Amino acid sequence: MTLAPELAVTRWFNTSEPLTLAALRGRPVLLHAFQMLCPGCVAHGTPQTQRAFEIFRQSDLQVIGLHTVFEHHAAMTPVSLEAFIHEYRLTFPIAVDEPGEGTPIPVTMQRYGMQGTPTSILIGRDGKVAHHLFGQQSDMAIGALIAAELATPPA
């Protein structure tokens, strides 16, 4: 298995420094891809990610939101996203996926072969994708996957 592709990011929110998967190697990473106009993301995905961020705050899990816009580009600008983050009280680091060149599909979304949003990707301590799921999943399921990765001893 190969290493998880690096994130292609144009802007960050809720972090003082840009995050890279290379720098996070050795820590599990929960990557939540969403769009602020995606009903499943608003109702389920981003609240679940916020809960995971809060519940696992004392662990070495790194939670990252990825705003990956593949439709309604004019409406989902960084200014709109900033208001969304504030209104929904999201406190985990959030990256803005780099626009695709000659395609509406953003770069990180392409690199991971995402089908849409919400998508949850759990990257293990070894830097490899341990879980990749498009759509909603239960809190129990994602919590169990995170716990299993946290239980894996660092290399």
C-alpha atoms as a PDB file:
ATOM      1  CA  MET A   1       0.000   0.000   0.000  1.00  0.00           C
ATOM      2  CA  THR A   2       1.255   3.473  -0.841  1.00  0.00           C
ATOM      3  CA  LEU A   3       1.246   6.565   1.319  1.00  0.00           C
ATOM      4  CA  ALA A   4      -1.863   8.733   1.385  1.00  0.00           C
ATOM      5  CA  PRO A   5      -1.592  11.545  -1.175  1.00  0.00           C
ATOM      6  CA  GLU A   6      -0.571  14.935   0.191  1.00  0.00           C
ATOM      7  CA  LEU A   7      -3.258  17.605   0.542  1.00  0.00           C
ATOM      8  CA  ALA A   8      -3.359  20.391  -2.076  1.00  0.00           C
ATOM      9  CA  VAL A   9      -4.567  23.436  -0.155  1.00  0.00           C
ATOM     10  CA  THR A  10      -5.088  27.090  -1.066  1.00  0.00           C
ATOM     11  CA  ARG A  11      -6.094  28.329   2.401  1.00  0.00           C
ATOM     12  CA  TRP A  12      -6.453  27.165   6.008  1.00  0.00           C
ATOM     13  CA  PHE A  13      -8.913  28.059   8.757  1.00  0.00           C
ATOM     14  CA  ASN A  14      -8.680  27.299  12.515  1.00  0.00           C
ATOM     15  CA  THR A  15      -4.933  26.697  12.498  1.00  0.00           C
ATOM     16  CA  SER A  16      -2.004  29.072  12.817  1.00  0.00           C
ATOM     17  CA  GLU A  17       0.162  26.996  10.451  1.00  0.00           C
ATOM     18  CA  PRO A  18      -0.567  24.877   7.374  1.00  0.00           C
ATOM     19  CA  LEU A  19      -0.739  21.141   8.084  1.00  0.00           C
ATOM     20  CA  THR A  20       0.857  18.471   5.906  1.00  0.00           C
ATOM     21  CA  LEU A  21       0.409  14.725   6.011  1.00  0.00           C
ATOM     22  CA  ALA A  22       4.185  14.334   5.816  1.00  0.00           C
ATOM     23  CA  ALA A  23       4.618  16.343   9.019  1.00  0.00           C
ATOM     24  CA  LEU A  24       1.771  14.396  10.693  1.00  0.00           C
ATOM     25  CA  ARG A  25       3.228  10.948   9.913  1.00  0.00           C
ATOM     26  CA  GLY A  26       3.208   8.885  13.097  1.00  0.00           C
ATOM     27  CA  ARG A  27      -0.193  10.274  14.101  1.00  0.00           C
ATOM     28  CA  PRO A  28      -3.592   9.047  12.882  1.00  0.00           C
ATOM     29  CA  VAL A  29      -5.429  11.617  10.748  1.00  0.00           C
ATOM     30  CA  LEU A  30      -9.188  11.883  10.240  1.00  0.00           C
ATOM     31  CA  LEU A  31      -9.802  13.749   6.989  1.00  0.00           C
ATOM     32  CA  HIS A  32     -13.398  14.884   6.471  1.00  0.00           C
ATOM     33  CA  ALA A  33     -14.183  16.133   2.955  1.00  0.00           C
ATOM     34  CA  PHE A  34     -17.277  18.330   2.770  1.00  0.00           C
ATOM     35  CA  GLN A  35     -19.067  21.130   0.958  1.00  0.00           C
ATOM     36  CA  MET A  36     -21.008  23.726   2.899  1.00  0.00           C
ATOM     37  CA  LEU A  37     -23.996  23.351   0.515  1.00  0.00           C
ATOM     38  CA  CYS A  38     -24.082  19.550   0.873  1.00  0.00           C
ATOM     39  CA  PRO A  39     -27.113  18.585   3.015  1.00  0.00           C
ATOM     40  CA  GLY A  40     -25.492  15.355   4.270  1.00  0.00           C
ATOM     41  CA  CYS A  41     -22.385  17.295   5.275  1.00  0.00           C
ATOM     42  CA  VAL A  42     -24.310  19.998   7.137  1.00  0.00           C
ATOM     43  CA  ALA A  43     -26.715  17.617   8.895  1.00  0.00           C
ATOM     44  CA  HIS A  44     -24.318  14.782   9.654  1.00  0.00           C
ATOM     45  CA  GLY A  45     -20.697  14.955   8.471  1.00  0.00           C
ATOM     46  CA  THR A  46     -19.401  18.226   9.888  1.00  0.00           C
ATOM     47  CA  PRO A  47     -21.195  17.826  13.265  1.00  0.00           C
ATOM     48  CA  GLN A  48     -19.750  14.291  13.524  1.00  0.00           C
ATOM     49  CA  THR A  49     -16.281  15.591  12.712  1.00  0.00           C
ATOM     50  CA  GLN A  50     -16.611  18.340  15.336  1.00  0.00           C
ATOM     51  CA  ARG A  51     -17.623  15.690  17.905  1.00  0.00           C
ATOM     52  CA  ALA A  52     -14.632  13.512  16.967  1.00  0.00           C
ATOM     53  CA  PHE A  53     -12.344  16.537  17.310  1.00  0.00           C
ATOM     54  CA  GLU A  54     -13.699  17.232  20.793  1.00  0.00           C
ATOM     55  CA  ILE A  55     -13.843  13.597  21.997  1.00  0.00           C
ATOM     56  CA  PHE A  56     -10.319  12.719  20.834  1.00  0.00           C
ATOM     57  CA  ARG A  57      -8.777  16.107  21.713  1.00  0.00           C
ATOM     58  CA  GLN A  58      -6.526  14.536  24.379  1.00  0.00           C
ATOM     59  CA  SER A  59      -5.196  11.891  21.971  1.00  0.00           C
ATOM     60  CA  ASP A  60      -2.745  12.336  19.118  1.00  0.00           C
ATOM     61  CA  LEU A  61      -5.497  12.097  16.469  1.00  0.00           C
ATOM     62  CA  GLN A  62      -5.326  15.013  14.025  1.00  0.00           C
ATOM     63  CA  VAL A  63      -8.729  15.989  12.637  1.00  0.00           C
ATOM     64  CA  ILE A  64      -8.759  17.938   9.361  1.00  0.00           C
ATOM     65  CA  GLY A  65     -11.730  19.248   7.431  1.00  0.00           C
ATOM     66  CA  LEU A  66     -11.325  19.585   3.663  1.00  0.00           C
ATOM     67  CA  HIS A  67     -13.717  21.944   1.905  1.00  0.00           C
ATOM     68  CA  THR A  68     -13.672  20.379  -1.551  1.00  0.00           C
ATOM     69  CA  VAL A  69     -15.903  22.273  -3.988  1.00  0.00           C
ATOM     70  CA  PHE A  70     -16.887  20.413  -7.155  1.00  0.00           C
ATOM     71  CA  GLU A  71     -20.174  22.259  -7.852  1.00  0.00           C
ATOM     72  CA  HIS A  72     -21.701  25.699  -7.181  1.00  0.00           C
ATOM     73  CA  HIS A  73     -18.202  27.210  -7.232  1.00  0.00           C
ATOM     74  CA  ALA A  74     -19.410  30.837  -7.275  1.00  0.00           C
ATOM     75  CA  ALA A  75     -21.436  30.358  -4.076  1.00  0.00           C
ATOM     76  CA  MET A  76     -18.839  28.474  -2.023  1.00  0.00           C
ATOM     77  CA  THR A  77     -16.032  30.992  -1.733  1.00  0.00           C
ATOM     78  CA  PRO A  78     -13.568  31.271   1.164  1.00  0.00           C
ATOM     79  CA  VAL A  79     -15.564  34.275   2.454  1.00  0.00           C
ATOM     80  CA  SER A  80     -18.737  32.158   2.524  1.00  0.00           C
ATOM     81  CA  LEU A  81     -16.821  29.288   4.131  1.00  0.00           C
ATOM     82  CA  GLU A  82     -15.503  31.588   6.854  1.00  0.00           C
ATOM     83  CA  ALA A  83     -19.097  32.571   7.728  1.00  0.00           C
ATOM     84  CA  PHE A  84     -20.156  28.886   7.641  1.00  0.00           C
ATOM     85  CA  ILE A  85     -17.329  27.909  10.022  1.00  0.00           C
ATOM     86  CA  HIS A  86     -18.363  30.683  12.409  1.00  0.00           C
ATOM     87  CA  GLU A  87     -22.116  29.930  12.256  1.00  0.00           C
ATOM     88  CA  TYR A  88     -21.665  26.186  12.782  1.00  0.00           C
ATOM     89  CA  ARG A  89     -18.969  26.726  15.448  1.00  0.00           C
ATOM     90  CA  LEU A  90     -16.446  24.449  13.763  1.00  0.00           C
ATOM     91  CA  THR A  91     -13.135  24.519  15.624  1.00  0.00           C
ATOM     92  CA  PHE A  92     -11.075  21.807  13.891  1.00  0.00           C
ATOM     93  CA  PRO A  93      -8.536  22.834  11.217  1.00  0.00           C
ATOM     94  CA  ILE A  94     -10.171  23.255   7.804  1.00  0.00           C
ATOM     95  CA  ALA A  95      -8.354  23.309   4.468  1.00  0.00           C
ATOM     96  CA  VAL A  96      -9.695  24.634   1.171  1.00  0.00           C
ATOM     97  CA  ASP A  97      -8.985  22.112  -1.599  1.00  0.00           C
ATOM     98  CA  GLU A  98      -7.038  23.487  -4.562  1.00  0.00           C
ATOM     99  CA  PRO A  99      -9.203  23.937  -7.686  1.00  0.00           C
ATOM    100  CA  GLY A 100      -8.637  21.408 -10.434  1.00  0.00           C
ATOM    101  CA  GLU A 101      -7.003  22.561 -13.637  1.00  0.00           C
ATOM    102  CA  GLY A 102      -9.453  22.365 -16.522  1.00  0.00           C
ATOM    103  CA  THR A 103     -11.917  20.356 -14.416  1.00  0.00           C
ATOM    104  CA  PRO A 104     -14.468  21.201 -11.711  1.00  0.00           C
ATOM    105  CA  ILE A 105     -12.986  18.459  -9.499  1.00  0.00           C
ATOM    106  CA  PRO A 106     -10.472  19.817  -6.948  1.00  0.00           C
ATOM    107  CA  VAL A 107      -6.931  18.430  -6.727  1.00  0.00           C
ATOM    108  CA  THR A 108      -7.108  16.562  -3.383  1.00  0.00           C
ATOM    109  CA  MET A 109     -10.511  15.146  -4.300  1.00  0.00           C
ATOM    110  CA  GLN A 110      -8.954  13.772  -7.522  1.00  0.00           C
ATOM    111  CA  ARG A 111      -5.893  12.397  -5.711  1.00  0.00           C
ATOM    112  CA  TYR A 112      -8.089  10.360  -3.357  1.00  0.00           C
ATOM    113  CA  GLY A 113     -10.635   9.302  -5.987  1.00  0.00           C
ATOM    114  CA  MET A 114     -13.480  10.720  -3.911  1.00  0.00           C
ATOM    115  CA  GLN A 115     -16.993  10.136  -5.265  1.00  0.00           C
ATOM    116  CA  GLY A 116     -18.488  13.190  -3.542  1.00  0.00           C
ATOM    117  CA  THR A 117     -19.213  14.585  -0.112  1.00  0.00           C
ATOM    118  CA  PRO A 118     -19.294  13.760   2.699  1.00  0.00           C
ATOM    119  CA  THR A 119     -16.250  11.529   2.525  1.00  0.00           C
ATOM    120  CA  SER A 120     -14.339  10.291   5.574  1.00  0.00           C
ATOM    121  CA  ILE A 121     -10.761   9.140   5.227  1.00  0.00           C
ATOM    122  CA  LEU A 122      -8.774   7.749   8.128  1.00  0.00           C
ATOM    123  CA  ILE A 123      -5.019   7.743   7.631  1.00  0.00           C
ATOM    124  CA  GLY A 124      -3.012   5.469   9.906  1.00  0.00           C
ATOM    125  CA  ARG A 125       0.156   6.278  11.805  1.00  0.00           C
ATOM    126  CA  ASP A 126       2.052   4.698   8.894  1.00  0.00           C
ATOM    127  CA  GLY A 127       0.705   7.376   6.534  1.00  0.00           C
ATOM    128  CA  LYS A 128      -1.446   4.927   4.578  1.00  0.00           C
ATOM    129  CA  VAL A 129      -5.215   5.111   4.069  1.00  0.00           C
ATOM    130  CA  ALA A 130      -6.847   2.798   6.608  1.00  0.00           C
ATOM    131  CA  HIS A 131     -10.477   3.715   5.801  1.00  0.00           C
ATOM    132  CA  HIS A 132     -12.147   5.587   2.917  1.00  0.00           C
ATOM    133  CA  LEU A 133     -15.926   5.964   2.859  1.00  0.00           C
ATOM    134  CA  PHE A 134     -18.260   8.138   0.810  1.00  0.00           C
ATOM    135  CA  GLY A 135     -21.532   8.988   2.550  1.00  0.00           C
ATOM    136  CA  GLN A 136     -22.727   8.915   6.107  1.00  0.00           C
ATOM    137  CA  GLN A 137     -21.501   6.471   8.713  1.00  0.00           C
ATOM    138  CA  SER A 138     -22.513   6.038  12.316  1.00  0.00           C
ATOM    139  CA  ASP A 139     -20.638   7.699  15.160  1.00  0.00           C
ATOM    140  CA  MET A 140     -20.019   4.227  16.634  1.00  0.00           C
ATOM    141  CA  ALA A 141     -18.401   2.974  13.409  1.00  0.00           C
ATOM    142  CA  ILE A 142     -16.105   5.962  12.924  1.00  0.00           C
ATOM    143  CA  GLY A 143     -15.292   6.001  16.655  1.00  0.00           C
ATOM    144  CA  ALA A 144     -14.297   2.327  16.557  1.00  0.00           C
ATOM    145  CA  LEU A 145     -12.066   2.900  13.529  1.00  0.00           C
ATOM    146  CA  ILE A 146     -10.389   5.889  15.207  1.00  0.00           C
ATOM    147  CA  ALA A 147      -9.905   3.934  18.448  1.00  0.00           C
ATOM    148  CA  ALA A 148      -8.289   1.062  16.532  1.00  0.00           C
ATOM    149  CA  GLU A 149      -5.841   3.450  14.849  1.00  0.00           C
ATOM    150  CA  LEU A 150      -5.065   5.164  18.151  1.00  0.00           C
ATOM    151  CA  ALA A 151      -4.342   1.746  19.707  1.00  0.00           C
ATOM    152  CA  THR A 152      -1.739   1.019  17.023  1.00  0.00           C
ATOM    153  CA  PRO A 153       1.660   1.742  18.587  1.00  0.00           C
ATOM    154  CA  PRO A 154       3.741   4.454  16.918  1.00  0.00           C
ATOM    155  CA  ALA A 155       6.533   3.061  14.735  1.00  0.00           C
END
